[in-house]
Protein backbone atom coordinates (compact mmCIF):
# COMPACT_ATOMS: atom_id res chain seq x y z
CA MET A 1 -23.43 31.00 -31.83
CA THR A 2 -27.08 29.98 -31.67
CA GLU A 3 -27.98 32.84 -34.00
CA LEU A 4 -25.31 31.78 -36.49
CA LEU A 5 -26.75 28.26 -36.42
CA SER A 6 -30.29 29.65 -36.78
CA GLN A 7 -31.28 28.14 -33.46
CA PRO A 8 -33.30 29.81 -30.70
CA PRO A 9 -31.13 31.10 -27.84
CA PHE A 10 -33.22 29.40 -25.15
CA PRO A 11 -32.52 26.94 -23.65
CA TYR A 12 -29.22 26.43 -25.51
CA VAL A 13 -27.38 29.55 -24.36
CA GLU A 14 -27.94 28.78 -20.71
CA GLU A 15 -26.92 25.15 -21.21
CA MET A 16 -23.71 26.20 -23.00
CA TYR A 17 -22.99 28.72 -20.24
CA HIS A 18 -23.26 26.03 -17.56
CA ALA A 19 -21.35 23.47 -19.60
CA TYR A 20 -18.43 25.90 -19.93
CA TRP A 21 -18.34 27.47 -16.45
CA ASP A 22 -19.23 24.36 -14.46
CA THR A 23 -16.46 22.43 -16.23
CA LEU A 24 -13.89 25.22 -15.84
CA ILE A 25 -14.61 25.67 -12.14
CA ALA A 26 -14.72 21.92 -11.46
CA HIS A 27 -11.22 21.54 -12.89
CA ALA A 28 -9.71 24.75 -11.48
CA GLU A 29 -6.57 24.30 -9.38
CA PRO A 30 -4.72 27.03 -7.50
CA TYR A 31 -1.13 27.84 -8.35
CA PRO A 32 1.23 26.13 -5.92
CA HIS A 33 1.60 28.15 -2.69
CA ALA A 34 -1.09 30.69 -3.67
CA ARG A 35 -3.07 30.08 -0.46
CA GLU A 36 0.13 30.41 1.55
CA PHE A 37 0.77 33.74 -0.19
CA LEU A 38 -2.71 34.98 0.71
CA SER A 39 -2.28 33.75 4.28
CA ILE A 40 1.00 35.64 4.68
CA LEU A 41 -0.60 38.84 3.40
CA LYS A 42 -3.64 38.36 5.66
CA ASP A 43 -1.47 37.62 8.70
CA GLY A 44 0.44 40.82 7.91
CA GLY A 45 -2.74 42.85 8.20
CA ILE A 46 -3.00 43.52 4.47
CA ARG A 47 -6.54 43.84 3.12
CA ILE A 48 -7.06 41.64 0.08
CA GLY A 49 -9.49 42.45 -2.67
CA ILE A 50 -10.45 41.10 -6.05
CA GLY A 51 -10.85 43.47 -9.00
CA THR A 52 -12.40 41.66 -11.95
CA ASP A 53 -14.20 42.14 -15.22
CA MET A 54 -15.89 38.78 -14.58
CA THR A 55 -19.28 38.53 -12.90
CA ALA A 56 -19.46 38.29 -9.13
CA ALA A 57 -21.31 34.96 -9.24
CA ILE A 58 -18.56 33.24 -11.22
CA GLN A 59 -15.79 34.80 -9.12
CA TYR A 60 -17.41 33.65 -5.88
CA GLN A 61 -17.62 30.10 -7.23
CA LYS A 62 -13.95 30.20 -8.28
CA LEU A 63 -12.83 31.64 -4.92
CA ARG A 64 -14.68 28.93 -3.01
CA LYS A 65 -13.35 26.15 -5.27
CA LEU A 66 -9.75 27.36 -4.97
CA GLY A 67 -9.99 27.85 -1.20
CA PHE A 68 -9.33 31.59 -1.45
CA ALA A 69 -12.68 32.88 -0.13
CA PRO A 70 -11.61 33.14 3.55
CA TYR A 71 -8.79 35.52 2.61
CA ILE A 72 -10.81 37.99 0.56
CA ASP A 73 -12.02 41.21 2.21
CA PHE A 74 -13.82 42.76 -0.75
CA MET A 75 -14.54 42.45 -4.44
CA VAL A 76 -15.04 44.96 -7.23
CA THR A 77 -16.60 43.76 -10.47
CA SER A 78 -17.20 45.55 -13.73
CA GLU A 79 -20.92 44.92 -13.27
CA GLU A 80 -20.75 46.82 -9.96
CA SER A 81 -18.64 49.70 -11.25
CA GLY A 82 -20.38 50.00 -14.60
CA ALA A 83 -16.99 49.95 -16.32
CA GLU A 84 -14.28 47.43 -17.12
CA LYS A 85 -10.60 47.79 -16.29
CA PRO A 86 -8.71 50.01 -17.02
CA HIS A 87 -11.47 52.63 -16.62
CA PRO A 88 -10.68 55.07 -13.78
CA HIS A 89 -14.05 54.52 -12.08
CA PHE A 90 -13.25 50.82 -11.67
CA PHE A 91 -10.02 51.64 -9.82
CA GLU A 92 -11.72 54.40 -7.78
CA ILE A 93 -14.08 51.80 -6.34
CA CYS A 94 -11.15 49.44 -5.64
CA ILE A 95 -9.34 52.19 -3.72
CA LYS A 96 -12.47 53.14 -1.78
CA LYS A 97 -13.14 49.54 -0.74
CA ALA A 98 -9.47 48.99 0.12
CA GLY A 99 -9.72 51.92 2.53
CA CYS A 100 -6.38 53.43 1.63
CA LEU A 101 -4.79 56.02 -0.58
CA PRO A 102 -3.99 55.01 -4.18
CA GLY A 103 -0.23 55.06 -3.48
CA GLU A 104 -0.75 52.59 -0.62
CA CYS A 105 -2.51 50.06 -2.84
CA ALA A 106 -0.97 47.39 -5.07
CA PHE A 107 -2.99 45.80 -7.85
CA ILE A 108 -1.68 42.41 -8.96
CA GLY A 109 -2.94 41.22 -12.31
CA ASP A 110 -2.16 39.07 -15.31
CA HIS A 111 -3.06 41.58 -18.03
CA LEU A 112 -0.41 44.21 -18.69
CA LYS A 113 -2.71 46.88 -20.12
CA LYS A 114 -5.91 46.38 -18.13
CA ASP A 115 -4.41 45.47 -14.76
CA VAL A 116 -0.90 46.88 -14.56
CA GLN A 117 -1.12 49.97 -16.75
CA GLY A 118 -4.64 50.61 -15.46
CA ALA A 119 -3.34 50.55 -11.89
CA TRP A 120 -0.41 52.87 -12.65
CA ASP A 121 -2.60 55.28 -14.59
CA ASN A 122 -4.87 55.55 -11.57
CA GLY A 123 -2.18 56.02 -8.92
CA LEU A 124 -1.88 52.44 -7.67
CA TYR A 125 1.16 50.20 -7.89
CA GLY A 126 0.65 47.77 -10.75
CA ILE A 127 2.26 44.37 -10.40
CA TRP A 128 2.19 41.94 -13.29
CA TYR A 129 1.77 38.29 -12.39
CA SER A 130 2.87 36.21 -15.32
CA ARG A 131 4.72 33.01 -16.01
CA GLU A 132 5.99 34.61 -19.20
CA ASN A 133 9.17 36.56 -19.71
CA PRO A 134 9.07 40.33 -19.22
CA PRO A 135 7.79 42.28 -22.21
CA ASP A 136 10.39 42.37 -24.98
CA LYS A 137 9.56 45.98 -25.85
CA GLU A 138 8.98 49.20 -23.97
CA VAL A 139 5.43 49.21 -22.67
CA GLY A 140 5.26 52.86 -21.56
CA PHE A 141 4.70 52.19 -17.85
CA PRO A 142 6.65 50.51 -15.05
CA VAL A 143 6.57 46.75 -14.78
CA ILE A 144 7.48 46.30 -11.13
CA VAL A 145 7.55 42.52 -10.97
CA SER A 146 7.32 40.58 -14.18
CA TYR A 147 7.18 37.23 -12.43
CA PHE A 148 7.22 35.99 -8.89
CA ASP A 149 6.77 32.48 -7.64
CA PHE A 150 4.28 32.10 -4.80
CA SER A 151 6.72 29.73 -3.08
CA ASN A 152 9.35 32.47 -2.93
CA LEU A 153 7.74 35.70 -1.81
CA SER A 154 10.97 37.68 -1.55
CA ASP A 155 10.37 39.71 -4.74
CA PHE A 156 6.90 40.73 -3.64
CA MET A 157 7.75 41.36 0.00
CA HIS A 158 10.86 43.31 -0.99
CA PHE A 159 8.70 45.46 -3.27
CA CYS A 160 6.19 46.10 -0.49
CA SER A 161 8.80 47.02 2.11
CA SER A 162 10.91 49.17 -0.21
CA GLU A 163 7.93 51.20 -1.43
CA LYS A 164 6.70 52.25 2.03
């Protein structure tokens, strides 16, 4: 943007970065019952990881702000893996850090192609978290859960128990 306006990038780019991210994080609110969901998983002995194309620094700030940090066992970022989702190397690192086989790992995400299809293509269970309706066309890969409400974990827990 600064180049389009014929302005020098410094210090404006850094100021715009902080204006955007500091505001977003300051106003971030967790979905209702999300912490309870993480607590149930944690109490059940399930390792919880974050797989993100965002930078680690921003994700750590978001996790602290939302109160999720105590539940997270590991994180994989695109900057760490050198590739963004759905690249196989990204998911290889997720599996390695999770300490399980691909078929024992579920990847919950909000992006059908990058998160869900990426997980399925790499041997993990892909679960789509969305407040939208299921896709209205064939997507070419399973959509296990198109929507679940954190206050009612039956869909997710049923999926986990039936797939073992």
